[in-house]
């Protein structure tokens, strides 16, 4: 399982609109093969910062499956104009000790 992590800095004053758009956009990510679940969290200290966590079966489920899909195009059109700067996305795997 892979955890996708993205810190989303939304343009000041657009949080409410971003949240409404995200409510629609999340239906597109959940349609992708290999998608498990996601969470969107709002930062307590910074009003326009969010944390997106998404769990995928494999890295390719996200990087190829989702990003190469028509659903990603809709996701992008709904959300990408809110970000300043554009988020860096990282992927993590569990460490078994």
C-alpha atoms as a PDB file:
ATOM      1  CA  UNK A   1       0.000   0.000   0.000  1.00  0.00           C
ATOM      2  CA  UNK A   2       1.215   3.513  -0.872  1.00  0.00           C
ATOM      3  CA  UNK A   3       0.281   6.723   0.923  1.00  0.00           C
ATOM      4  CA  UNK A   4       0.167   9.861  -1.211  1.00  0.00           C
ATOM      5  CA  UNK A   5       0.789  13.056   0.770  1.00  0.00           C
ATOM      6  CA  UNK A   6       0.211  16.578  -0.564  1.00  0.00           C
ATOM      7  CA  UNK A   7       0.227  19.878   1.300  1.00  0.00           C
ATOM      8  CA  UNK A   8      -2.270  22.109  -0.476  1.00  0.00           C
ATOM      9  CA  UNK A   9      -1.843  25.854  -0.049  1.00  0.00           C
ATOM     10  CA  UNK A  10      -5.041  27.454  -1.301  1.00  0.00           C
ATOM     11  CA  UNK A  11      -5.098  31.068  -2.474  1.00  0.00           C
ATOM     12  CA  UNK A  12      -6.117  33.334   0.427  1.00  0.00           C
ATOM     13  CA  UNK A  13      -9.852  33.696   0.889  1.00  0.00           C
ATOM     14  CA  UNK A  14     -10.769  30.787  -1.387  1.00  0.00           C
ATOM     15  CA  UNK A  15     -11.025  28.003   1.184  1.00  0.00           C
ATOM     16  CA  UNK A  16     -14.820  27.758   1.140  1.00  0.00           C
ATOM     17  CA  UNK A  17     -14.894  27.578  -2.648  1.00  0.00           C
ATOM     18  CA  UNK A  18     -12.037  25.052  -2.647  1.00  0.00           C
ATOM     19  CA  UNK A  19     -13.885  22.818  -0.180  1.00  0.00           C
ATOM     20  CA  UNK A  20     -17.027  22.907  -2.329  1.00  0.00           C
ATOM     21  CA  UNK A  21     -15.001  22.010  -5.420  1.00  0.00           C
ATOM     22  CA  UNK A  22     -13.190  19.254  -3.545  1.00  0.00           C
ATOM     23  CA  UNK A  23     -16.531  17.742  -2.514  1.00  0.00           C
ATOM     24  CA  UNK A  24     -17.262  17.235  -6.210  1.00  0.00           C
ATOM     25  CA  UNK A  25     -13.696  16.294  -7.215  1.00  0.00           C
ATOM     26  CA  UNK A  26     -13.421  13.496  -4.663  1.00  0.00           C
ATOM     27  CA  UNK A  27     -15.998  11.490  -6.599  1.00  0.00           C
ATOM     28  CA  UNK A  28     -13.516  11.259  -9.497  1.00  0.00           C
ATOM     29  CA  UNK A  29     -10.539   9.973  -7.518  1.00  0.00           C
ATOM     30  CA  UNK A  30     -12.645   7.264  -5.911  1.00  0.00           C
ATOM     31  CA  UNK A  31     -13.479   5.764  -9.331  1.00  0.00           C
ATOM     32  CA  UNK A  32      -9.884   4.744 -10.066  1.00  0.00           C
ATOM     33  CA  UNK A  33      -8.700   1.143  -9.871  1.00  0.00           C
ATOM     34  CA  UNK A  34      -6.223   0.800  -7.021  1.00  0.00           C
ATOM     35  CA  UNK A  35      -7.724   3.673  -5.018  1.00  0.00           C
ATOM     36  CA  UNK A  36      -8.407   2.736  -1.391  1.00  0.00           C
ATOM     37  CA  UNK A  37      -9.456   5.905   0.431  1.00  0.00           C
ATOM     38  CA  UNK A  38      -8.535   9.522   1.074  1.00  0.00           C
ATOM     39  CA  UNK A  39      -8.752  12.214   3.732  1.00  0.00           C
ATOM     40  CA  UNK A  40      -8.654  15.990   3.451  1.00  0.00           C
ATOM     41  CA  UNK A  41      -7.576  17.828   6.589  1.00  0.00           C
ATOM     42  CA  UNK A  42      -7.557  21.566   7.247  1.00  0.00           C
ATOM     43  CA  UNK A  43      -4.566  23.098   9.017  1.00  0.00           C
ATOM     44  CA  UNK A  44      -5.282  24.597  12.434  1.00  0.00           C
ATOM     45  CA  UNK A  45      -2.457  27.146  12.309  1.00  0.00           C
ATOM     46  CA  UNK A  46      -2.822  28.281   8.668  1.00  0.00           C
ATOM     47  CA  UNK A  47      -6.326  29.078   7.460  1.00  0.00           C
ATOM     48  CA  UNK A  48      -5.760  28.268   3.785  1.00  0.00           C
ATOM     49  CA  UNK A  49      -3.603  25.145   4.112  1.00  0.00           C
ATOM     50  CA  UNK A  50      -4.859  21.576   3.689  1.00  0.00           C
ATOM     51  CA  UNK A  51      -3.334  18.137   3.863  1.00  0.00           C
ATOM     52  CA  UNK A  52      -4.467  15.542   1.348  1.00  0.00           C
ATOM     53  CA  UNK A  53      -3.802  11.914   2.217  1.00  0.00           C
ATOM     54  CA  UNK A  54      -4.708   9.235  -0.325  1.00  0.00           C
ATOM     55  CA  UNK A  55      -4.083   5.507  -0.028  1.00  0.00           C
ATOM     56  CA  UNK A  56      -3.385   3.492  -3.175  1.00  0.00           C
ATOM     57  CA  UNK A  57      -2.690  -0.172  -3.872  1.00  0.00           C
ATOM     58  CA  UNK A  58       0.496   0.748  -5.765  1.00  0.00           C
ATOM     59  CA  UNK A  59       2.419   3.851  -6.786  1.00  0.00           C
ATOM     60  CA  UNK A  60       1.317   3.251 -10.378  1.00  0.00           C
ATOM     61  CA  UNK A  61      -2.347   3.286  -9.329  1.00  0.00           C
ATOM     62  CA  UNK A  62      -1.837   6.976  -8.633  1.00  0.00           C
ATOM     63  CA  UNK A  63       0.894   8.089 -11.032  1.00  0.00           C
ATOM     64  CA  UNK A  64      -0.314   6.192 -14.089  1.00  0.00           C
ATOM     65  CA  UNK A  65      -3.870   5.070 -13.353  1.00  0.00           C
ATOM     66  CA  UNK A  66      -5.280   8.265 -11.889  1.00  0.00           C
ATOM     67  CA  UNK A  67      -3.053  10.849 -13.545  1.00  0.00           C
ATOM     68  CA  UNK A  68      -3.568   9.215 -16.942  1.00  0.00           C
ATOM     69  CA  UNK A  69      -7.339   9.050 -16.634  1.00  0.00           C
ATOM     70  CA  UNK A  70     -10.220  11.252 -17.811  1.00  0.00           C
ATOM     71  CA  UNK A  71     -11.183  11.549 -14.130  1.00  0.00           C
ATOM     72  CA  UNK A  72      -7.868  13.288 -13.431  1.00  0.00           C
ATOM     73  CA  UNK A  73      -8.609  15.870 -16.113  1.00  0.00           C
ATOM     74  CA  UNK A  74     -11.867  16.726 -14.345  1.00  0.00           C
ATOM     75  CA  UNK A  75     -10.083  16.741 -10.938  1.00  0.00           C
ATOM     76  CA  UNK A  76      -7.464  19.081 -12.326  1.00  0.00           C
ATOM     77  CA  UNK A  77      -9.997  21.485 -13.833  1.00  0.00           C
ATOM     78  CA  UNK A  78     -11.875  21.672 -10.527  1.00  0.00           C
ATOM     79  CA  UNK A  79      -8.922  22.099  -8.165  1.00  0.00           C
ATOM     80  CA  UNK A  80      -5.594  23.132  -9.649  1.00  0.00           C
ATOM     81  CA  UNK A  81      -6.437  26.825 -10.038  1.00  0.00           C
ATOM     82  CA  UNK A  82      -6.784  27.138  -6.238  1.00  0.00           C
ATOM     83  CA  UNK A  83      -3.143  26.294  -5.433  1.00  0.00           C
ATOM     84  CA  UNK A  84      -0.407  28.840  -4.790  1.00  0.00           C
ATOM     85  CA  UNK A  85       2.220  27.499  -4.964  1.00  0.00           C
ATOM     86  CA  UNK A  86       1.447  24.264  -6.755  1.00  0.00           C
ATOM     87  CA  UNK A  87       1.728  21.380  -4.267  1.00  0.00           C
ATOM     88  CA  UNK A  88       4.556  18.922  -4.119  1.00  0.00           C
ATOM     89  CA  UNK A  89       3.239  15.377  -3.935  1.00  0.00           C
ATOM     90  CA  UNK A  90       5.171  12.607  -2.216  1.00  0.00           C
ATOM     91  CA  UNK A  91       4.511   8.902  -1.814  1.00  0.00           C
ATOM     92  CA  UNK A  92       5.263   6.791   1.249  1.00  0.00           C
ATOM     93  CA  UNK A  93       5.351   3.119   2.030  1.00  0.00           C
ATOM     94  CA  UNK A  94       5.010   1.568   5.441  1.00  0.00           C
ATOM     95  CA  UNK A  95       8.154   0.607   7.304  1.00  0.00           C
ATOM     96  CA  UNK A  96       7.827  -2.767   8.956  1.00  0.00           C
ATOM     97  CA  UNK A  97      10.088  -2.992  11.982  1.00  0.00           C
END
